[in-house]
Amino acid sequence: IRVVAAGESVLAPSATRRLIGHYASGAVTGIGGGSTPRELDGLTAR
């Protein structure tokens, strides 16, 4: 509760392992809300 209230995030360890595993296998896409690489143009290199 304190972590998310501070603007950070928390995931159960088992959920994190599976989430990363799914990304490694390419099974999960599109959770980022439909953003495209073009939207990164507004970011600085840092």
All heavy atoms as atom14 arrays in JSON, in Angstrom:
{
  "sequence": "IRVVAAGESVLAPSATRRLIGHYASGAVTGIGGGSTPRELDGLTAR",
  "atom14_mask": [
    [1, 1, 1, 1, 1, 1, 1, 1, 0, 0, 0, 0, 0, 0],
    [1, 1, 1, 1, 1, 1, 1, 1, 1, 1, 1, 0, 0, 0],
    [1, 1, 1, 1, 1, 1, 1, 0, 0, 0, 0, 0, 0, 0],
    [1, 1, 1, 1, 1, 1, 1, 0, 0, 0, 0, 0, 0, 0],
    [1, 1, 1, 1, 1, 0, 0, 0, 0, 0, 0, 0, 0, 0],
    [1, 1, 1, 1, 1, 0, 0, 0, 0, 0, 0, 0, 0, 0],
    [1, 1, 1, 1, 0, 0, 0, 0, 0, 0, 0, 0, 0, 0],
    [1, 1, 1, 1, 1, 1, 1, 1, 1, 0, 0, 0, 0, 0],
    [1, 1, 1, 1, 1, 1, 0, 0, 0, 0, 0, 0, 0, 0],
    [1, 1, 1, 1, 1, 1, 1, 0, 0, 0, 0, 0, 0, 0],
    [1, 1, 1, 1, 1, 1, 1, 1, 0, 0, 0, 0, 0, 0],
    [1, 1, 1, 1, 1, 0, 0, 0, 0, 0, 0, 0, 0, 0],
    [1, 1, 1, 1, 1, 1, 1, 0, 0, 0, 0, 0, 0, 0],
    [1, 1, 1, 1, 1, 1, 0, 0, 0, 0, 0, 0, 0, 0],
    [1, 1, 1, 1, 1, 0, 0, 0, 0, 0, 0, 0, 0, 0],
    [1, 1, 1, 1, 1, 1, 1, 0, 0, 0, 0, 0, 0, 0],
    [1, 1, 1, 1, 1, 1, 1, 1, 1, 1, 1, 0, 0, 0],
    [1, 1, 1, 1, 1, 1, 1, 1, 1, 1, 1, 0, 0, 0],
    [1, 1, 1, 1, 1, 1, 1, 1, 0, 0, 0, 0, 0, 0],
    [1, 1, 1, 1, 1, 1, 1, 1, 0, 0, 0, 0, 0, 0],
    [1, 1, 1, 1, 0, 0, 0, 0, 0, 0, 0, 0, 0, 0],
    [1, 1, 1, 1, 1, 1, 1, 1, 1, 1, 0, 0, 0, 0],
    [1, 1, 1, 1, 1, 1, 1, 1, 1, 1, 1, 1, 0, 0],
    [1, 1, 1, 1, 1, 0, 0, 0, 0, 0, 0, 0, 0, 0],
    [1, 1, 1, 1, 1, 1, 0, 0, 0, 0, 0, 0, 0, 0],
    [1, 1, 1, 1, 0, 0, 0, 0, 0, 0, 0, 0, 0, 0],
    [1, 1, 1, 1, 1, 0, 0, 0, 0, 0, 0, 0, 0, 0],
    [1, 1, 1, 1, 1, 1, 1, 0, 0, 0, 0, 0, 0, 0],
    [1, 1, 1, 1, 1, 1, 1, 0, 0, 0, 0, 0, 0, 0],
    [1, 1, 1, 1, 0, 0, 0, 0, 0, 0, 0, 0, 0, 0],
    [1, 1, 1, 1, 1, 1, 1, 1, 0, 0, 0, 0, 0, 0],
    [1, 1, 1, 1, 0, 0, 0, 0, 0, 0, 0, 0, 0, 0],
    [1, 1, 1, 1, 0, 0, 0, 0, 0, 0, 0, 0, 0, 0],
    [1, 1, 1, 1, 0, 0, 0, 0, 0, 0, 0, 0, 0, 0],
    [1, 1, 1, 1, 1, 1, 0, 0, 0, 0, 0, 0, 0, 0],
    [1, 1, 1, 1, 1, 1, 1, 0, 0, 0, 0, 0, 0, 0],
    [1, 1, 1, 1, 1, 1, 1, 0, 0, 0, 0, 0, 0, 0],
    [1, 1, 1, 1, 1, 1, 1, 1, 1, 1, 1, 0, 0, 0],
    [1, 1, 1, 1, 1, 1, 1, 1, 1, 0, 0, 0, 0, 0],
    [1, 1, 1, 1, 1, 1, 1, 1, 0, 0, 0, 0, 0, 0],
    [1, 1, 1, 1, 1, 1, 1, 1, 0, 0, 0, 0, 0, 0],
    [1, 1, 1, 1, 0, 0, 0, 0, 0, 0, 0, 0, 0, 0],
    [1, 1, 1, 1, 1, 1, 1, 1, 0, 0, 0, 0, 0, 0],
    [1, 1, 1, 1, 1, 1, 1, 0, 0, 0, 0, 0, 0, 0],
    [1, 1, 1, 1, 1, 0, 0, 0, 0, 0, 0, 0, 0, 0],
    [1, 1, 1, 1, 1, 1, 1, 1, 1, 1, 1, 0, 0, 0]
  ],
  "atom14_positions": [
    [[0.84, -1.2, 0.0], [0.0, 0.0, 0.0], [0.87, 1.25, 0.0], [0.63, 2.2, -0.76], [-0.95, 0.0, 1.21], [-1.98, -1.12, 1.08], [-1.64, 1.36, 1.36], [-2.84, -1.32, 2.31], [0.0, 0.0, 0.0], [0.0, 0.0, 0.0], [0.0, 0.0, 0.0], [0.0, 0.0, 0.0], [0.0, 0.0, 0.0], [0.0, 0.0, 0.0]],
    [[1.9, 1.26, 0.84], [2.78, 2.43, 0.91], [3.54, 2.62, -0.41], [3.75, 3.74, -0.85], [3.76, 2.27, 2.08], [3.08, 2.31, 3.45], [4.11, 2.27, 4.58], [3.45, 2.35, 5.88], [3.23, 1.3, 6.67], [3.63, 0.08, 6.29], [2.62, 1.44, 7.83], [0.0, 0.0, 0.0], [0.0, 0.0, 0.0], [0.0, 0.0, 0.0]],
    [[3.96, 1.52, -1.01], [4.72, 1.59, -2.25], [3.89, 2.19, -3.38], [4.32, 3.11, -4.07], [5.24, 0.2, -2.66], [5.74, 0.21, -4.1], [6.36, -0.25, -1.74], [0.0, 0.0, 0.0], [0.0, 0.0, 0.0], [0.0, 0.0, 0.0], [0.0, 0.0, 0.0], [0.0, 0.0, 0.0], [0.0, 0.0, 0.0], [0.0, 0.0, 0.0]],
    [[2.67, 1.68, -3.57], [1.85, 2.2, -4.67], [1.39, 3.63, -4.38], [1.26, 4.44, -5.31], [0.65, 1.29, -4.97], [1.11, -0.09, -5.4], [-0.31, 1.19, -3.8], [0.0, 0.0, 0.0], [0.0, 0.0, 0.0], [0.0, 0.0, 0.0], [0.0, 0.0, 0.0], [0.0, 0.0, 0.0], [0.0, 0.0, 0.0], [0.0, 0.0, 0.0]],
    [[1.17, 3.95, -3.11], [0.78, 5.32, -2.76], [1.88, 6.31, -3.1], [1.61, 7.47, -3.44], [0.43, 5.42, -1.28], [0.0, 0.0, 0.0], [0.0, 0.0, 0.0], [0.0, 0.0, 0.0], [0.0, 0.0, 0.0], [0.0, 0.0, 0.0], [0.0, 0.0, 0.0], [0.0, 0.0, 0.0], [0.0, 0.0, 0.0], [0.0, 0.0, 0.0]],
    [[3.12, 5.85, -3.05], [4.27, 6.71, -3.34], [4.55, 6.81, -4.84], [5.51, 7.45, -5.26], [5.51, 6.18, -2.62], [0.0, 0.0, 0.0], [0.0, 0.0, 0.0], [0.0, 0.0, 0.0], [0.0, 0.0, 0.0], [0.0, 0.0, 0.0], [0.0, 0.0, 0.0], [0.0, 0.0, 0.0], [0.0, 0.0, 0.0], [0.0, 0.0, 0.0]],
    [[3.7, 6.16, -5.65], [3.88, 6.24, -7.09], [4.73, 5.14, -7.66], [5.06, 5.14, -8.85], [0.0, 0.0, 0.0], [0.0, 0.0, 0.0], [0.0, 0.0, 0.0], [0.0, 0.0, 0.0], [0.0, 0.0, 0.0], [0.0, 0.0, 0.0], [0.0, 0.0, 0.0], [0.0, 0.0, 0.0], [0.0, 0.0, 0.0], [0.0, 0.0, 0.0]],
    [[5.1, 4.17, -6.84], [5.89, 3.04, -7.31], [4.94, 1.87, -7.6], [3.73, 2.01, -7.58], [6.92, 2.65, -6.25], [7.88, 3.78, -5.87], [8.86, 4.11, -6.97], [9.05, 3.25, -7.86], [9.4, 5.22, -6.97], [0.0, 0.0, 0.0], [0.0, 0.0, 0.0], [0.0, 0.0, 0.0], [0.0, 0.0, 0.0], [0.0, 0.0, 0.0]],
    [[5.51, 0.71, -7.86], [4.71, -0.46, -8.2], [5.21, -1.67, -7.45], [6.38, -1.76, -7.09], [4.78, -0.73, -9.7], [4.41, 0.43, -10.42], [0.0, 0.0, 0.0], [0.0, 0.0, 0.0], [0.0, 0.0, 0.0], [0.0, 0.0, 0.0], [0.0, 0.0, 0.0], [0.0, 0.0, 0.0], [0.0, 0.0, 0.0], [0.0, 0.0, 0.0]],
    [[4.31, -2.64, -7.25], [4.69, -3.86, -6.56], [3.96, -5.03, -7.19], [2.77, -4.94, -7.52], [4.35, -3.76, -5.04], [2.87, -3.55, -4.81], [4.84, -4.98, -4.3], [0.0, 0.0, 0.0], [0.0, 0.0, 0.0], [0.0, 0.0, 0.0], [0.0, 0.0, 0.0], [0.0, 0.0, 0.0], [0.0, 0.0, 0.0], [0.0, 0.0, 0.0]],
    [[4.69, -6.12, -7.4], [4.11, -7.34, -7.93], [4.56, -8.52, -7.09], [5.7, -8.57, -6.65], [4.54, -7.59, -9.38], [4.0, -6.67, -10.46], [4.61, -7.05, -11.8], [2.49, -6.73, -10.54], [0.0, 0.0, 0.0], [0.0, 0.0, 0.0], [0.0, 0.0, 0.0], [0.0, 0.0, 0.0], [0.0, 0.0, 0.0], [0.0, 0.0, 0.0]],
    [[3.65, -9.48, -6.9], [4.02, -10.71, -6.22], [5.16, -11.36, -6.99], [5.16, -11.36, -8.22], [2.82, -11.66, -6.15], [0.0, 0.0, 0.0], [0.0, 0.0, 0.0], [0.0, 0.0, 0.0], [0.0, 0.0, 0.0], [0.0, 0.0, 0.0], [0.0, 0.0, 0.0], [0.0, 0.0, 0.0], [0.0, 0.0, 0.0], [0.0, 0.0, 0.0]],
    [[6.16, -11.92, -6.3], [7.3, -12.52, -7.0], [6.91, -13.54, -8.06], [7.48, -13.56, -9.14], [8.08, -13.17, -5.86], [7.76, -12.33, -4.67], [6.31, -11.94, -4.84], [0.0, 0.0, 0.0], [0.0, 0.0, 0.0], [0.0, 0.0, 0.0], [0.0, 0.0, 0.0], [0.0, 0.0, 0.0], [0.0, 0.0, 0.0], [0.0, 0.0, 0.0]],
    [[5.92, -14.37, -7.77], [5.51, -15.37, -8.76], [4.95, -14.72, -10.0], [5.18, -15.16, -11.14], [4.47, -16.32, -8.16], [3.31, -15.6, -7.75], [0.0, 0.0, 0.0], [0.0, 0.0, 0.0], [0.0, 0.0, 0.0], [0.0, 0.0, 0.0], [0.0, 0.0, 0.0], [0.0, 0.0, 0.0], [0.0, 0.0, 0.0], [0.0, 0.0, 0.0]],
    [[4.19, -13.64, -9.82], [3.62, -12.93, -10.96], [4.72, -12.29, -11.79], [4.67, -12.29, -13.03], [2.63, -11.86, -10.48], [0.0, 0.0, 0.0], [0.0, 0.0, 0.0], [0.0, 0.0, 0.0], [0.0, 0.0, 0.0], [0.0, 0.0, 0.0], [0.0, 0.0, 0.0], [0.0, 0.0, 0.0], [0.0, 0.0, 0.0], [0.0, 0.0, 0.0]],
    [[5.71, -11.73, -11.13], [6.82, -11.09, -11.84], [7.59, -12.1, -12.67], [7.93, -11.84, -13.83], [7.77, -10.41, -10.84], [7.03, -9.49, -10.04], [8.87, -9.67, -11.55], [0.0, 0.0, 0.0], [0.0, 0.0, 0.0], [0.0, 0.0, 0.0], [0.0, 0.0, 0.0], [0.0, 0.0, 0.0], [0.0, 0.0, 0.0], [0.0, 0.0, 0.0]],
    [[7.88, -13.27, -12.09], [8.63, -14.29, -12.82], [7.89, -14.72, -14.08], [8.48, -14.88, -15.15], [8.89, -15.5, -11.91], [9.96, -15.26, -10.84], [10.39, -16.57, -10.23], [9.31, -17.25, -9.55], [9.01, -17.05, -8.26], [9.71, -16.2, -7.55], [8.02, -17.72, -7.7], [0.0, 0.0, 0.0], [0.0, 0.0, 0.0], [0.0, 0.0, 0.0]],
    [[6.57, -14.91, -13.97], [5.81, -15.36, -15.12], [5.66, -14.26, -16.16], [5.67, -14.51, -17.36], [4.44, -15.87, -14.67], [4.52, -17.14, -13.83], [3.2, -17.89, -13.82], [2.07, -17.0, -13.68], [1.67, -16.47, -12.52], [2.34, -16.72, -11.4], [0.61, -15.7, -12.46], [0.0, 0.0, 0.0], [0.0, 0.0, 0.0], [0.0, 0.0, 0.0]],
    [[5.51, -13.03, -15.69], [5.4, -11.91, -16.63], [6.66, -11.8, -17.47], [6.61, -11.68, -18.69], [5.17, -10.61, -15.85], [4.98, -9.34, -16.69], [3.74, -9.45, -17.55], [4.92, -8.12, -15.79], [0.0, 0.0, 0.0], [0.0, 0.0, 0.0], [0.0, 0.0, 0.0], [0.0, 0.0, 0.0], [0.0, 0.0, 0.0], [0.0, 0.0, 0.0]],
    [[7.81, -11.87, -16.81], [9.09, -11.79, -17.52], [9.26, -13.0, -18.43], [9.72, -12.89, -19.56], [10.25, -11.69, -16.51], [10.22, -10.32, -15.82], [11.6, -11.89, -17.19], [11.19, -10.19, -14.67], [0.0, 0.0, 0.0], [0.0, 0.0, 0.0], [0.0, 0.0, 0.0], [0.0, 0.0, 0.0], [0.0, 0.0, 0.0], [0.0, 0.0, 0.0]],
    [[8.85, -14.18, -17.95], [8.95, -15.38, -18.76], [8.1, -15.29, -20.02], [8.51, -15.72, -21.1], [0.0, 0.0, 0.0], [0.0, 0.0, 0.0], [0.0, 0.0, 0.0], [0.0, 0.0, 0.0], [0.0, 0.0, 0.0], [0.0, 0.0, 0.0], [0.0, 0.0, 0.0], [0.0, 0.0, 0.0], [0.0, 0.0, 0.0], [0.0, 0.0, 0.0]],
    [[6.91, -14.7, -19.9], [6.05, -14.55, -21.06], [6.66, -13.57, -22.07], [6.55, -13.76, -23.28], [4.66, -14.07, -20.64], [3.76, -15.18, -20.24], [4.01, -15.98, -19.16], [2.6, -15.63, -20.78], [3.04, -16.89, -19.04], [2.17, -16.69, -20.01], [0.0, 0.0, 0.0], [0.0, 0.0, 0.0], [0.0, 0.0, 0.0], [0.0, 0.0, 0.0]],
    [[7.3, -12.51, -21.57], [7.95, -11.59, -22.49], [9.12, -12.28, -23.18], [9.37, -12.06, -24.37], [8.44, -10.35, -21.76], [7.43, -9.23, -21.81], [6.67, -8.91, -20.7], [7.21, -8.52, -22.99], [5.73, -7.9, -20.76], [6.27, -7.52, -23.06], [5.53, -7.2, -21.94], [4.6, -6.21, -22.0], [0.0, 0.0, 0.0], [0.0, 0.0, 0.0]],
    [[9.83, -13.11, -22.45], [10.97, -13.81, -23.04], [10.53, -14.74, -24.17], [11.24, -14.94, -25.15], [11.72, -14.61, -21.97], [0.0, 0.0, 0.0], [0.0, 0.0, 0.0], [0.0, 0.0, 0.0], [0.0, 0.0, 0.0], [0.0, 0.0, 0.0], [0.0, 0.0, 0.0], [0.0, 0.0, 0.0], [0.0, 0.0, 0.0], [0.0, 0.0, 0.0]],
    [[9.32, -15.29, -24.04], [8.82, -16.21, -25.07], [8.02, -15.49, -26.14], [7.58, -16.09, -27.1], [7.92, -17.27, -24.41], [6.74, -16.68, -23.89], [0.0, 0.0, 0.0], [0.0, 0.0, 0.0], [0.0, 0.0, 0.0], [0.0, 0.0, 0.0], [0.0, 0.0, 0.0], [0.0, 0.0, 0.0], [0.0, 0.0, 0.0], [0.0, 0.0, 0.0]],
    [[7.81, -14.18, -25.95], [7.06, -13.4, -26.92], [5.57, -13.61, -26.83], [4.83, -13.27, -27.74], [0.0, 0.0, 0.0], [0.0, 0.0, 0.0], [0.0, 0.0, 0.0], [0.0, 0.0, 0.0], [0.0, 0.0, 0.0], [0.0, 0.0, 0.0], [0.0, 0.0, 0.0], [0.0, 0.0, 0.0], [0.0, 0.0, 0.0], [0.0, 0.0, 0.0]],
    [[5.1, -14.16, -25.69], [3.68, -14.48, -25.57], [2.82, -13.31, -25.16], [1.61, -13.35, -25.26], [3.49, -15.62, -24.55], [0.0, 0.0, 0.0], [0.0, 0.0, 0.0], [0.0, 0.0, 0.0], [0.0, 0.0, 0.0], [0.0, 0.0, 0.0], [0.0, 0.0, 0.0], [0.0, 0.0, 0.0], [0.0, 0.0, 0.0], [0.0, 0.0, 0.0]],
    [[3.42, -12.24, -24.65], [2.64, -11.11, -24.17], [2.99, -9.87, -24.98], [4.15, -9.53, -25.13], [2.93, -10.83, -22.68], [2.12, -9.63, -22.21], [2.58, -12.05, -21.85], [0.0, 0.0, 0.0], [0.0, 0.0, 0.0], [0.0, 0.0, 0.0], [0.0, 0.0, 0.0], [0.0, 0.0, 0.0], [0.0, 0.0, 0.0], [0.0, 0.0, 0.0]],
    [[1.98, -9.22, -25.5], [2.2, -7.97, -26.22], [1.06, -7.02, -25.92], [-0.02, -7.42, -25.52], [2.25, -8.18, -27.74], [1.01, -8.77, -28.17], [3.4, -9.09, -28.13], [0.0, 0.0, 0.0], [0.0, 0.0, 0.0], [0.0, 0.0, 0.0], [0.0, 0.0, 0.0], [0.0, 0.0, 0.0], [0.0, 0.0, 0.0], [0.0, 0.0, 0.0]],
    [[1.31, -5.74, -26.13], [0.24, -4.76, -26.09], [-0.2, -4.29, -24.74], [-1.18, -3.57, -24.63], [0.0, 0.0, 0.0], [0.0, 0.0, 0.0], [0.0, 0.0, 0.0], [0.0, 0.0, 0.0], [0.0, 0.0, 0.0], [0.0, 0.0, 0.0], [0.0, 0.0, 0.0], [0.0, 0.0, 0.0], [0.0, 0.0, 0.0], [0.0, 0.0, 0.0]],
    [[0.48, -4.66, -23.65], [0.03, -4.21, -22.34], [0.4, -2.74, -22.14], [-0.14, -2.06, -21.3], [0.65, -5.06, -21.22], [0.3, -6.53, -21.44], [0.14, -4.66, -19.87], [0.87, -7.46, -20.41], [0.0, 0.0, 0.0], [0.0, 0.0, 0.0], [0.0, 0.0, 0.0], [0.0, 0.0, 0.0], [0.0, 0.0, 0.0], [0.0, 0.0, 0.0]],
    [[1.3, -2.23, -22.92], [1.75, -0.87, -22.75], [0.77, 0.2, -23.18], [1.1, 1.37, -23.19], [0.0, 0.0, 0.0], [0.0, 0.0, 0.0], [0.0, 0.0, 0.0], [0.0, 0.0, 0.0], [0.0, 0.0, 0.0], [0.0, 0.0, 0.0], [0.0, 0.0, 0.0], [0.0, 0.0, 0.0], [0.0, 0.0, 0.0], [0.0, 0.0, 0.0]],
    [[-0.45, -0.16, -23.56], [-1.47, 0.82, -23.83], [-1.47, 1.32, -25.27], [-1.99, 2.37, -25.58], [0.0, 0.0, 0.0], [0.0, 0.0, 0.0], [0.0, 0.0, 0.0], [0.0, 0.0, 0.0], [0.0, 0.0, 0.0], [0.0, 0.0, 0.0], [0.0, 0.0, 0.0], [0.0, 0.0, 0.0], [0.0, 0.0, 0.0], [0.0, 0.0, 0.0]],
    [[-0.87, 0.57, -26.19], [-0.92, 0.94, -27.59], [0.1, 1.97, -27.99], [0.03, 2.53, -29.08], [0.0, 0.0, 0.0], [0.0, 0.0, 0.0], [0.0, 0.0, 0.0], [0.0, 0.0, 0.0], [0.0, 0.0, 0.0], [0.0, 0.0, 0.0], [0.0, 0.0, 0.0], [0.0, 0.0, 0.0], [0.0, 0.0, 0.0], [0.0, 0.0, 0.0]],
    [[1.08, 2.27, -27.17], [2.1, 3.25, -27.51], [2.99, 2.7, -28.62], [3.17, 1.5, -28.77], [2.95, 3.58, -26.28], [2.18, 4.19, -25.29], [0.0, 0.0, 0.0], [0.0, 0.0, 0.0], [0.0, 0.0, 0.0], [0.0, 0.0, 0.0], [0.0, 0.0, 0.0], [0.0, 0.0, 0.0], [0.0, 0.0, 0.0], [0.0, 0.0, 0.0]],
    [[3.56, 3.58, -29.42], [4.42, 3.18, -30.52], [5.79, 3.81, -30.33], [5.94, 4.78, -29.6], [3.83, 3.64, -31.86], [3.82, 5.08, -31.88], [2.4, 3.16, -32.02], [0.0, 0.0, 0.0], [0.0, 0.0, 0.0], [0.0, 0.0, 0.0], [0.0, 0.0, 0.0], [0.0, 0.0, 0.0], [0.0, 0.0, 0.0], [0.0, 0.0, 0.0]],
    [[6.8, 3.29, -31.03], [8.14, 3.86, -30.9], [8.19, 5.35, -31.19], [9.0, 6.07, -30.63], [8.94, 3.06, -31.93], [8.25, 1.74, -32.0], [6.79, 2.08, -31.85], [0.0, 0.0, 0.0], [0.0, 0.0, 0.0], [0.0, 0.0, 0.0], [0.0, 0.0, 0.0], [0.0, 0.0, 0.0], [0.0, 0.0, 0.0], [0.0, 0.0, 0.0]],
    [[7.32, 5.83, -32.08], [7.31, 7.25, -32.4], [7.09, 8.11, -31.16], [7.6, 9.23, -31.07], [6.22, 7.54, -33.44], [6.16, 8.98, -33.9], [5.13, 9.16, -34.99], [5.42, 8.33, -36.15], [4.62, 8.23, -37.22], [3.47, 8.89, -37.24], [4.96, 7.45, -38.23], [0.0, 0.0, 0.0], [0.0, 0.0, 0.0], [0.0, 0.0, 0.0]],
    [[6.34, 7.58, -30.2], [6.06, 8.35, -28.99], [7.31, 8.54, -28.13], [7.33, 9.39, -27.25], [4.96, 7.66, -28.17], [3.62, 7.67, -28.88], [2.54, 7.04, -28.06], [2.03, 7.71, -27.14], [2.2, 5.88, -28.32], [0.0, 0.0, 0.0], [0.0, 0.0, 0.0], [0.0, 0.0, 0.0], [0.0, 0.0, 0.0], [0.0, 0.0, 0.0]],
    [[8.34, 7.73, -28.37], [9.58, 7.9, -27.62], [10.39, 9.08, -28.13], [11.38, 9.47, -27.51], [10.42, 6.62, -27.72], [9.82, 5.36, -27.1], [10.78, 4.2, -27.28], [9.5, 5.57, -25.65], [0.0, 0.0, 0.0], [0.0, 0.0, 0.0], [0.0, 0.0, 0.0], [0.0, 0.0, 0.0], [0.0, 0.0, 0.0], [0.0, 0.0, 0.0]],
    [[9.99, 9.65, -29.27], [10.73, 10.78, -29.81], [10.78, 11.96, -28.85], [11.68, 12.79, -28.9], [10.11, 11.24, -31.15], [10.33, 10.23, -32.27], [11.21, 9.37, -32.09], [9.63, 10.31, -33.28], [0.0, 0.0, 0.0], [0.0, 0.0, 0.0], [0.0, 0.0, 0.0], [0.0, 0.0, 0.0], [0.0, 0.0, 0.0], [0.0, 0.0, 0.0]],
    [[9.78, 12.04, -27.97], [9.74, 13.15, -27.02], [10.66, 12.98, -25.84], [10.82, 13.91, -25.04], [0.0, 0.0, 0.0], [0.0, 0.0, 0.0], [0.0, 0.0, 0.0], [0.0, 0.0, 0.0], [0.0, 0.0, 0.0], [0.0, 0.0, 0.0], [0.0, 0.0, 0.0], [0.0, 0.0, 0.0], [0.0, 0.0, 0.0], [0.0, 0.0, 0.0]],
    [[11.28, 11.8, -25.7], [12.18, 11.56, -24.58], [13.59, 12.0, -24.92], [14.05, 11.86, -26.05], [12.2, 10.07, -24.21], [10.9, 9.41, -23.76], [11.18, 7.99, -23.31], [10.21, 10.2, -22.67], [0.0, 0.0, 0.0], [0.0, 0.0, 0.0], [0.0, 0.0, 0.0], [0.0, 0.0, 0.0], [0.0, 0.0, 0.0], [0.0, 0.0, 0.0]],
    [[14.29, 12.5, -23.92], [15.71, 12.79, -24.1], [16.49, 11.48, -24.07], [15.96, 10.43, -23.65], [16.23, 13.71, -22.99], [16.15, 13.0, -21.74], [15.4, 14.98, -22.89], [0.0, 0.0, 0.0], [0.0, 0.0, 0.0], [0.0, 0.0, 0.0], [0.0, 0.0, 0.0], [0.0, 0.0, 0.0], [0.0, 0.0, 0.0], [0.0, 0.0, 0.0]],
    [[17.74, 11.53, -24.48], [18.58, 10.33, -24.45], [18.71, 9.8, -23.02], [18.68, 8.59, -22.78], [19.96, 10.63, -25.03], [0.0, 0.0, 0.0], [0.0, 0.0, 0.0], [0.0, 0.0, 0.0], [0.0, 0.0, 0.0], [0.0, 0.0, 0.0], [0.0, 0.0, 0.0], [0.0, 0.0, 0.0], [0.0, 0.0, 0.0], [0.0, 0.0, 0.0]],
    [[18.84, 10.7, -22.06], [18.97, 10.28, -20.66], [17.68, 9.64, -20.18], [17.71, 8.64, -19.45], [19.35, 11.49, -19.81], [19.48, 11.21, -18.29], [20.35, 10.0, -17.97], [21.69, 10.09, -18.46], [22.7, 10.64, -17.78], [22.5, 11.19, -16.61], [23.92, 10.63, -18.31], [0.0, 0.0, 0.0], [0.0, 0.0, 0.0], [0.0, 0.0, 0.0]]
  ]
}
